Amino acid sequence: MPTSHSPQTVSCESLLAFQSALKTAKHDISNTFAVLLALAELAEANPSNYQRLAHLVIERCPKVISELQSLQDNLASLVEEPKLTQPQ
């Protein structure tokens, strides 16, 4: 991480790739929360659906966490201070 506030240049391709990853993560997170809400509502109305929806939540949560970590890593690489190469 840069310690100063020096200007940095990020390529358009890098920003587009990050935007795409962010869009995918947002979709997956929204989808997981929709399942959680459905789980809560259906558990009250029909407990037999509870197990099936709980299984979906258990499957999706690790994927969401992994995508968030990947986004964090991608963002960190975009703002990483360029490393100076040593002359040989």
PDB file of N, CA and C in Angstrom:
ATOM      1  N   MET A   1       0.841  -1.181   0.000  1.00  0.00           N
ATOM      2  CA  MET A   1       0.000   0.000   0.000  1.00  0.00           C
ATOM      3  C   MET A   1       0.886   1.243   0.000  1.00  0.00           C
ATOM      4  N   PRO A   2       0.534   2.211  -0.809  1.00  0.00           N
ATOM      5  CA  PRO A   2       1.324   3.428  -0.820  1.00  0.00           C
ATOM      6  C   PRO A   2       1.172   4.183   0.501  1.00  0.00           C
ATOM      7  N   THR A   3       2.277   4.773   0.930  1.00  0.00           N
ATOM      8  CA  THR A   3       2.216   5.548   2.154  1.00  0.00           C
ATOM      9  C   THR A   3       2.049   7.028   1.859  1.00  0.00           C
ATOM     10  N   SER A   4       2.316   7.448   0.660  1.00  0.00           N
ATOM     11  CA  SER A   4       2.134   8.840   0.277  1.00  0.00           C
ATOM     12  C   SER A   4       0.897   8.959  -0.598  1.00  0.00           C
ATOM     13  N   HIS A   5       0.578  10.177  -0.909  1.00  0.00           N
ATOM     14  CA  HIS A   5      -0.594  10.426  -1.759  1.00  0.00           C
ATOM     15  C   HIS A   5      -0.164  10.764  -3.177  1.00  0.00           C
ATOM     16  N   SER A   6       0.816  10.065  -3.669  1.00  0.00           N
ATOM     17  CA  SER A   6       1.294  10.313  -5.019  1.00  0.00           C
ATOM     18  C   SER A   6       0.290   9.775  -6.034  1.00  0.00           C
ATOM     19  N   PRO A   7       0.132  10.483  -7.150  1.00  0.00           N
ATOM     20  CA  PRO A   7      -0.824  10.024  -8.168  1.00  0.00           C
ATOM     21  C   PRO A   7      -0.389   8.682  -8.759  1.00  0.00           C
ATOM     22  N   GLN A   8      -1.372   7.881  -9.083  1.00  0.00           N
ATOM     23  CA  GLN A   8      -1.098   6.590  -9.697  1.00  0.00           C
ATOM     24  C   GLN A   8      -1.933   6.460 -10.959  1.00  0.00           C
ATOM     25  N   THR A   9      -1.452   5.665 -11.878  1.00  0.00           N
ATOM     26  CA  THR A   9      -2.179   5.398 -13.103  1.00  0.00           C
ATOM     27  C   THR A   9      -2.625   3.941 -13.083  1.00  0.00           C
ATOM     28  N   VAL A  10      -3.908   3.743 -13.375  1.00  0.00           N
ATOM     29  CA  VAL A  10      -4.472   2.401 -13.448  1.00  0.00           C
ATOM     30  C   VAL A  10      -5.007   2.231 -14.859  1.00  0.00           C
ATOM     31  N   SER A  11      -4.694   1.099 -15.456  1.00  0.00           N
ATOM     32  CA  SER A  11      -5.136   0.885 -16.833  1.00  0.00           C
ATOM     33  C   SER A  11      -6.649   0.706 -16.907  1.00  0.00           C
ATOM     34  N   CYS A  12      -7.183   1.062 -18.025  1.00  0.00           N
ATOM     35  CA  CYS A  12      -8.620   0.911 -18.264  1.00  0.00           C
ATOM     36  C   CYS A  12      -9.015  -0.564 -18.162  1.00  0.00           C
ATOM     37  N   GLU A  13      -8.181  -1.448 -18.663  1.00  0.00           N
ATOM     38  CA  GLU A  13      -8.471  -2.873 -18.608  1.00  0.00           C
ATOM     39  C   GLU A  13      -8.557  -3.364 -17.161  1.00  0.00           C
ATOM     40  N   SER A  14      -7.662  -2.868 -16.317  1.00  0.00           N
ATOM     41  CA  SER A  14      -7.688  -3.258 -14.903  1.00  0.00           C
ATOM     42  C   SER A  14      -8.969  -2.786 -14.228  1.00  0.00           C
ATOM     43  N   LEU A  15      -9.363  -1.559 -14.532  1.00  0.00           N
ATOM     44  CA  LEU A  15     -10.597  -1.040 -13.943  1.00  0.00           C
ATOM     45  C   LEU A  15     -11.826  -1.793 -14.444  1.00  0.00           C
ATOM     46  N   LEU A  16     -11.842  -2.132 -15.718  1.00  0.00           N
ATOM     47  CA  LEU A  16     -12.970  -2.884 -16.266  1.00  0.00           C
ATOM     48  C   LEU A  16     -13.043  -4.284 -15.660  1.00  0.00           C
ATOM     49  N   ALA A  17     -11.901  -4.915 -15.459  1.00  0.00           N
ATOM     50  CA  ALA A  17     -11.882  -6.239 -14.840  1.00  0.00           C
ATOM     51  C   ALA A  17     -12.369  -6.156 -13.399  1.00  0.00           C
ATOM     52  N   PHE A  18     -11.945  -5.112 -12.684  1.00  0.00           N
ATOM     53  CA  PHE A  18     -12.396  -4.939 -11.304  1.00  0.00           C
ATOM     54  C   PHE A  18     -13.896  -4.651 -11.267  1.00  0.00           C
ATOM     55  N   GLN A  19     -14.375  -3.838 -12.185  1.00  0.00           N
ATOM     56  CA  GLN A  19     -15.811  -3.534 -12.248  1.00  0.00           C
ATOM     57  C   GLN A  19     -16.616  -4.807 -12.505  1.00  0.00           C
ATOM     58  N   SER A  20     -16.135  -5.647 -13.384  1.00  0.00           N
ATOM     59  CA  SER A  20     -16.825  -6.905 -13.680  1.00  0.00           C
ATOM     60  C   SER A  20     -16.853  -7.813 -12.461  1.00  0.00           C
ATOM     61  N   ALA A  21     -15.726  -7.917 -11.764  1.00  0.00           N
ATOM     62  CA  ALA A  21     -15.666  -8.744 -10.556  1.00  0.00           C
ATOM     63  C   ALA A  21     -16.583  -8.192  -9.474  1.00  0.00           C
ATOM     64  N   LEU A  22     -16.641  -6.880  -9.347  1.00  0.00           N
ATOM     65  CA  LEU A  22     -17.513  -6.245  -8.365  1.00  0.00           C
ATOM     66  C   LEU A  22     -18.985  -6.496  -8.695  1.00  0.00           C
ATOM     67  N   LYS A  23     -19.325  -6.420  -9.977  1.00  0.00           N
ATOM     68  CA  LYS A  23     -20.701  -6.680 -10.412  1.00  0.00           C
ATOM     69  C   LYS A  23     -21.109  -8.118 -10.091  1.00  0.00           C
ATOM     70  N   THR A  24     -20.225  -9.064 -10.353  1.00  0.00           N
ATOM     71  CA  THR A  24     -20.505 -10.472 -10.057  1.00  0.00           C
ATOM     72  C   THR A  24     -20.676 -10.694  -8.557  1.00  0.00           C
ATOM     73  N   ALA A  25     -19.775 -10.114  -7.776  1.00  0.00           N
ATOM     74  CA  ALA A  25     -19.868 -10.263  -6.320  1.00  0.00           C
ATOM     75  C   ALA A  25     -21.150  -9.647  -5.781  1.00  0.00           C
ATOM     76  N   LYS A  26     -21.522  -8.486  -6.294  1.00  0.00           N
ATOM     77  CA  LYS A  26     -22.759  -7.832  -5.856  1.00  0.00           C
ATOM     78  C   LYS A  26     -23.962  -8.721  -6.160  1.00  0.00           C
ATOM     79  N   HIS A  27     -23.985  -9.306  -7.331  1.00  0.00           N
ATOM     80  CA  HIS A  27     -25.076 -10.193  -7.716  1.00  0.00           C
ATOM     81  C   HIS A  27     -25.150 -11.396  -6.782  1.00  0.00           C
ATOM     82  N   ASP A  28     -24.004 -12.025  -6.536  1.00  0.00           N
ATOM     83  CA  ASP A  28     -23.975 -13.213  -5.683  1.00  0.00           C
ATOM     84  C   ASP A  28     -24.355 -12.902  -4.241  1.00  0.00           C
ATOM     85  N   ILE A  29     -23.911 -11.752  -3.749  1.00  0.00           N
ATOM     86  CA  ILE A  29     -24.274 -11.358  -2.387  1.00  0.00           C
ATOM     87  C   ILE A  29     -25.771 -11.078  -2.302  1.00  0.00           C
ATOM     88  N   SER A  30     -26.307 -10.353  -3.269  1.00  0.00           N
ATOM     89  CA  SER A  30     -27.746 -10.070  -3.289  1.00  0.00           C
ATOM     90  C   SER A  30     -28.554 -11.357  -3.364  1.00  0.00           C
ATOM     91  N   ASN A  31     -28.087 -12.289  -4.191  1.00  0.00           N
ATOM     92  CA  ASN A  31     -28.765 -13.566  -4.342  1.00  0.00           C
ATOM     93  C   ASN A  31     -28.755 -14.349  -3.027  1.00  0.00           C
ATOM     94  N   THR A  32     -27.618 -14.352  -2.345  1.00  0.00           N
ATOM     95  CA  THR A  32     -27.512 -15.067  -1.073  1.00  0.00           C
ATOM     96  C   THR A  32     -28.435 -14.456  -0.031  1.00  0.00           C
ATOM     97  N   PHE A  33     -28.498 -13.134   0.025  1.00  0.00           N
ATOM     98  CA  PHE A  33     -29.402 -12.491   0.979  1.00  0.00           C
ATOM     99  C   PHE A  33     -30.864 -12.737   0.622  1.00  0.00           C
ATOM    100  N   ALA A  34     -31.179 -12.831  -0.661  1.00  0.00           N
ATOM    101  CA  ALA A  34     -32.549 -13.161  -1.061  1.00  0.00           C
ATOM    102  C   ALA A  34     -32.926 -14.558  -0.565  1.00  0.00           C
ATOM    103  N   VAL A  35     -31.989 -15.494  -0.664  1.00  0.00           N
ATOM    104  CA  VAL A  35     -32.239 -16.848  -0.164  1.00  0.00           C
ATOM    105  C   VAL A  35     -32.413 -16.824   1.355  1.00  0.00           C
ATOM    106  N   LEU A  36     -31.597 -16.023   2.049  1.00  0.00           N
ATOM    107  CA  LEU A  36     -31.737 -15.916   3.498  1.00  0.00           C
ATOM    108  C   LEU A  36     -33.112 -15.367   3.890  1.00  0.00           C
ATOM    109  N   LEU A  37     -33.567 -14.346   3.173  1.00  0.00           N
ATOM    110  CA  LEU A  37     -34.893 -13.796   3.458  1.00  0.00           C
ATOM    111  C   LEU A  37     -35.988 -14.813   3.170  1.00  0.00           C
ATOM    112  N   ALA A  38     -35.862 -15.513   2.051  1.00  0.00           N
ATOM    113  CA  ALA A  38     -36.838 -16.550   1.728  1.00  0.00           C
ATOM    114  C   ALA A  38     -36.823 -17.645   2.781  1.00  0.00           C
ATOM    115  N   LEU A  39     -35.649 -17.985   3.249  1.00  0.00           N
ATOM    116  CA  LEU A  39     -35.513 -19.000   4.287  1.00  0.00           C
ATOM    117  C   LEU A  39     -36.273 -18.584   5.544  1.00  0.00           C
ATOM    118  N   ALA A  40     -36.104 -17.364   5.949  1.00  0.00           N
ATOM    119  CA  ALA A  40     -36.786 -16.878   7.149  1.00  0.00           C
ATOM    120  C   ALA A  40     -38.302 -16.876   6.966  1.00  0.00           C
ATOM    121  N   GLU A  41     -38.755 -16.417   5.805  1.00  0.00           N
ATOM    122  CA  GLU A  41     -40.197 -16.356   5.550  1.00  0.00           C
ATOM    123  C   GLU A  41     -40.806 -17.747   5.418  1.00  0.00           C
ATOM    124  N   LEU A  42     -40.157 -18.621   4.682  1.00  0.00           N
ATOM    125  CA  LEU A  42     -40.705 -19.959   4.473  1.00  0.00           C
ATOM    126  C   LEU A  42     -40.608 -20.839   5.711  1.00  0.00           C
ATOM    127  N   ALA A  43     -39.633 -20.578   6.535  1.00  0.00           N
ATOM    128  CA  ALA A  43     -39.518 -21.359   7.769  1.00  0.00           C
ATOM    129  C   ALA A  43     -40.745 -21.143   8.649  1.00  0.00           C
ATOM    130  N   GLU A  44     -41.263 -19.930   8.623  1.00  0.00           N
ATOM    131  CA  GLU A  44     -42.474 -19.642   9.393  1.00  0.00           C
ATOM    132  C   GLU A  44     -43.694 -20.296   8.754  1.00  0.00           C
ATOM    133  N   ALA A  45     -43.791 -20.207   7.423  1.00  0.00           N
ATOM    134  CA  ALA A  45     -44.986 -20.697   6.728  1.00  0.00           C
ATOM    135  C   ALA A  45     -44.953 -22.208   6.495  1.00  0.00           C
ATOM    136  N   ASN A  46     -43.788 -22.740   6.128  1.00  0.00           N
ATOM    137  CA  ASN A  46     -43.703 -24.145   5.768  1.00  0.00           C
ATOM    138  C   ASN A  46     -42.340 -24.703   6.184  1.00  0.00           C
ATOM    139  N   PRO A  47     -42.228 -25.249   7.353  1.00  0.00           N
ATOM    140  CA  PRO A  47     -40.936 -25.736   7.858  1.00  0.00           C
ATOM    141  C   PRO A  47     -40.270 -26.800   6.986  1.00  0.00           C
ATOM    142  N   SER A  48     -41.006 -27.474   6.119  1.00  0.00           N
ATOM    143  CA  SER A  48     -40.390 -28.509   5.280  1.00  0.00           C
ATOM    144  C   SER A  48     -39.418 -27.918   4.266  1.00  0.00           C
ATOM    145  N   ASN A  49     -39.578 -26.654   3.883  1.00  0.00           N
ATOM    146  CA  ASN A  49     -38.657 -25.997   2.955  1.00  0.00           C
ATOM    147  C   ASN A  49     -37.393 -25.497   3.650  1.00  0.00           C
ATOM    148  N   TYR A  50     -37.427 -25.462   4.945  1.00  0.00           N
ATOM    149  CA  TYR A  50     -36.333 -24.893   5.717  1.00  0.00           C
ATOM    150  C   TYR A  50     -35.008 -25.592   5.435  1.00  0.00           C
ATOM    151  N   GLN A  51     -35.000 -26.915   5.435  1.00  0.00           N
ATOM    152  CA  GLN A  51     -33.748 -27.659   5.224  1.00  0.00           C
ATOM    153  C   GLN A  51     -33.157 -27.404   3.852  1.00  0.00           C
ATOM    154  N   ARG A  52     -33.992 -27.404   2.834  1.00  0.00           N
ATOM    155  CA  ARG A  52     -33.501 -27.194   1.463  1.00  0.00           C
ATOM    156  C   ARG A  52     -32.875 -25.805   1.324  1.00  0.00           C
ATOM    157  N   LEU A  53     -33.544 -24.787   1.839  1.00  0.00           N
ATOM    158  CA  LEU A  53     -33.012 -23.431   1.723  1.00  0.00           C
ATOM    159  C   LEU A  53     -31.778 -23.235   2.610  1.00  0.00           C
ATOM    160  N   ALA A  54     -31.782 -23.864   3.772  1.00  0.00           N
ATOM    161  CA  ALA A  54     -30.610 -23.767   4.643  1.00  0.00           C
ATOM    162  C   ALA A  54     -29.391 -24.376   3.948  1.00  0.00           C
ATOM    163  N   HIS A  55     -29.584 -25.455   3.228  1.00  0.00           N
ATOM    164  CA  HIS A  55     -28.495 -26.088   2.481  1.00  0.00           C
ATOM    165  C   HIS A  55     -27.955 -25.131   1.414  1.00  0.00           C
ATOM    166  N   LEU A  56     -28.852 -24.403   0.721  1.00  0.00           N
ATOM    167  CA  LEU A  56     -28.411 -23.435  -0.287  1.00  0.00           C
ATOM    168  C   LEU A  56     -27.571 -22.333   0.341  1.00  0.00           C
ATOM    169  N   VAL A  57     -27.989 -21.861   1.501  1.00  0.00           N
ATOM    170  CA  VAL A  57     -27.233 -20.808   2.182  1.00  0.00           C
ATOM    171  C   VAL A  57     -25.847 -21.319   2.563  1.00  0.00           C
ATOM    172  N   ILE A  58     -25.792 -22.518   3.092  1.00  0.00           N
ATOM    173  CA  ILE A  58     -24.505 -23.105   3.490  1.00  0.00           C
ATOM    174  C   ILE A  58     -23.586 -23.255   2.279  1.00  0.00           C
ATOM    175  N   GLU A  59     -24.136 -23.579   1.120  1.00  0.00           N
ATOM    176  CA  GLU A  59     -23.325 -23.711  -0.091  1.00  0.00           C
ATOM    177  C   GLU A  59     -22.829 -22.357  -0.594  1.00  0.00           C
ATOM    178  N   ARG A  60     -23.676 -21.336  -0.519  1.00  0.00           N
ATOM    179  CA  ARG A  60     -23.347 -20.046  -1.133  1.00  0.00           C
ATOM    180  C   ARG A  60     -22.457 -19.161  -0.278  1.00  0.00           C
ATOM    181  N   CYS A  61     -22.538 -19.259   1.024  1.00  0.00           N
ATOM    182  CA  CYS A  61     -21.765 -18.360   1.894  1.00  0.00           C
ATOM    183  C   CYS A  61     -20.256 -18.438   1.651  1.00  0.00           C
ATOM    184  N   PRO A  62     -19.659 -19.622   1.552  1.00  0.00           N
ATOM    185  CA  PRO A  62     -18.211 -19.657   1.276  1.00  0.00           C
ATOM    186  C   PRO A  62     -17.850 -19.011  -0.062  1.00  0.00           C
ATOM    187  N   LYS A  63     -18.721 -19.139  -1.053  1.00  0.00           N
ATOM    188  CA  LYS A  63     -18.455 -18.525  -2.356  1.00  0.00           C
ATOM    189  C   LYS A  63     -18.448 -17.003  -2.232  1.00  0.00           C
ATOM    190  N   VAL A  64     -19.397 -16.461  -1.485  1.00  0.00           N
ATOM    191  CA  VAL A  64     -19.466 -15.017  -1.289  1.00  0.00           C
ATOM    192  C   VAL A  64     -18.210 -14.527  -0.568  1.00  0.00           C
ATOM    193  N   ILE A  65     -17.802 -15.237   0.465  1.00  0.00           N
ATOM    194  CA  ILE A  65     -16.605 -14.846   1.217  1.00  0.00           C
ATOM    195  C   ILE A  65     -15.374 -14.887   0.311  1.00  0.00           C
ATOM    196  N   SER A  66     -15.279 -15.916  -0.502  1.00  0.00           N
ATOM    197  CA  SER A  66     -14.156 -16.037  -1.428  1.00  0.00           C
ATOM    198  C   SER A  66     -14.152 -14.898  -2.446  1.00  0.00           C
ATOM    199  N   GLU A  67     -15.314 -14.538  -2.961  1.00  0.00           N
ATOM    200  CA  GLU A  67     -15.395 -13.442  -3.932  1.00  0.00           C
ATOM    201  C   GLU A  67     -15.021 -12.109  -3.294  1.00  0.00           C
ATOM    202  N   LEU A  68     -15.447 -11.891  -2.052  1.00  0.00           N
ATOM    203  CA  LEU A  68     -15.078 -10.658  -1.366  1.00  0.00           C
ATOM    204  C   LEU A  68     -13.568 -10.589  -1.145  1.00  0.00           C
ATOM    205  N   GLN A  69     -12.945 -11.703  -0.796  1.00  0.00           N
ATOM    206  CA  GLN A  69     -11.493 -11.730  -0.620  1.00  0.00           C
ATOM    207  C   GLN A  69     -10.802 -11.447  -1.944  1.00  0.00           C
ATOM    208  N   SER A  70     -11.319 -12.023  -3.012  1.00  0.00           N
ATOM    209  CA  SER A  70     -10.744 -11.788  -4.332  1.00  0.00           C
ATOM    210  C   SER A  70     -10.862 -10.318  -4.730  1.00  0.00           C
ATOM    211  N   LEU A  71     -12.012  -9.702  -4.441  1.00  0.00           N
ATOM    212  CA  LEU A  71     -12.179  -8.279  -4.726  1.00  0.00           C
ATOM    213  C   LEU A  71     -11.182  -7.440  -3.933  1.00  0.00           C
ATOM    214  N   GLN A  72     -11.010  -7.793  -2.672  1.00  0.00           N
ATOM    215  CA  GLN A  72     -10.050  -7.066  -1.841  1.00  0.00           C
ATOM    216  C   GLN A  72      -8.647  -7.194  -2.427  1.00  0.00           C
ATOM    217  N   ASP A  73      -8.279  -8.390  -2.850  1.00  0.00           N
ATOM    218  CA  ASP A  73      -6.957  -8.606  -3.447  1.00  0.00           C
ATOM    219  C   ASP A  73      -6.803  -7.830  -4.753  1.00  0.00           C
ATOM    220  N   ASN A  74      -7.858  -7.840  -5.579  1.00  0.00           N
ATOM    221  CA  ASN A  74      -7.811  -7.102  -6.847  1.00  0.00           C
ATOM    222  C   ASN A  74      -7.652  -5.610  -6.609  1.00  0.00           C
ATOM    223  N   LEU A  75      -8.407  -5.075  -5.667  1.00  0.00           N
ATOM    224  CA  LEU A  75      -8.317  -3.660  -5.373  1.00  0.00           C
ATOM    225  C   LEU A  75      -6.935  -3.312  -4.824  1.00  0.00           C
ATOM    226  N   ALA A  76      -6.410  -4.161  -3.961  1.00  0.00           N
ATOM    227  CA  ALA A  76      -5.076  -3.923  -3.412  1.00  0.00           C
ATOM    228  C   ALA A  76      -4.032  -3.903  -4.528  1.00  0.00           C
ATOM    229  N   SER A  77      -4.180  -4.778  -5.509  1.00  0.00           N
ATOM    230  CA  SER A  77      -3.201  -4.809  -6.601  1.00  0.00           C
ATOM    231  C   SER A  77      -3.320  -3.582  -7.494  1.00  0.00           C
ATOM    232  N   LEU A  78      -4.514  -2.980  -7.558  1.00  0.00           N
ATOM    233  CA  LEU A  78      -4.682  -1.774  -8.366  1.00  0.00           C
ATOM    234  C   LEU A  78      -4.017  -0.561  -7.725  1.00  0.00           C
ATOM    235  N   VAL A  79      -3.986  -0.521  -6.415  1.00  0.00           N
ATOM    236  CA  VAL A  79      -3.442   0.651  -5.735  1.00  0.00           C
ATOM    237  C   VAL A  79      -2.069   0.384  -5.117  1.00  0.00           C
ATOM    238  N   GLU A  80      -1.480  -0.743  -5.450  1.00  0.00           N
ATOM    239  CA  GLU A  80      -0.168  -1.092  -4.923  1.00  0.00           C
ATOM    240  C   GLU A  80       0.880  -0.126  -5.456  1.00  0.00           C
ATOM    241  N   GLU A  81       1.790   0.244  -4.596  1.00  0.00           N
ATOM    242  CA  GLU A  81       2.871   1.128  -5.009  1.00  0.00           C
ATOM    243  C   GLU A  81       3.785   0.385  -5.970  1.00  0.00           C
ATOM    244  N   PRO A  82       4.083   1.009  -7.107  1.00  0.00           N
ATOM    245  CA  PRO A  82       4.961   0.320  -8.065  1.00  0.00           C
ATOM    246  C   PRO A  82       6.330   0.050  -7.427  1.00  0.00           C
ATOM    247  N   LYS A  83       6.845  -1.111  -7.683  1.00  0.00           N
ATOM    248  CA  LYS A  83       8.139  -1.497  -7.141  1.00  0.00           C
ATOM    249  C   LYS A  83       9.249  -1.060  -8.116  1.00  0.00           C
ATOM    250  N   LEU A  84      10.239  -0.442  -7.564  1.00  0.00           N
ATOM    251  CA  LEU A  84      11.365   0.009  -8.388  1.00  0.00           C
ATOM    252  C   LEU A  84      12.311  -1.162  -8.631  1.00  0.00           C
ATOM    253  N   THR A  85      12.749  -1.284  -9.859  1.00  0.00           N
ATOM    254  CA  THR A  85      13.680  -2.367 -10.147  1.00  0.00           C
ATOM    255  C   THR A  85      15.098  -1.860  -9.898  1.00  0.00           C
ATOM    256  N   GLN A  86      15.925  -2.717  -9.385  1.00  0.00           N
ATOM    257  CA  GLN A  86      17.325  -2.381  -9.090  1.00  0.00           C
ATOM    258  C   GLN A  86      18.143  -2.546 -10.359  1.00  0.00           C
ATOM    259  N   PRO A  87      18.955  -1.559 -10.682  1.00  0.00           N
ATOM    260  CA  PRO A  87      19.841  -1.724 -11.860  1.00  0.00           C
ATOM    261  C   PRO A  87      20.863  -2.820 -11.597  1.00  0.00           C
ATOM    262  N   GLN A  88      21.151  -3.564 -12.630  1.00  0.00           N
ATOM    263  CA  GLN A  88      22.094  -4.679 -12.486  1.00  0.00           C
ATOM    264  C   GLN A  88      23.420  -4.357 -13.109  1.00  0.00           C
TER     265      GLN A  88
END
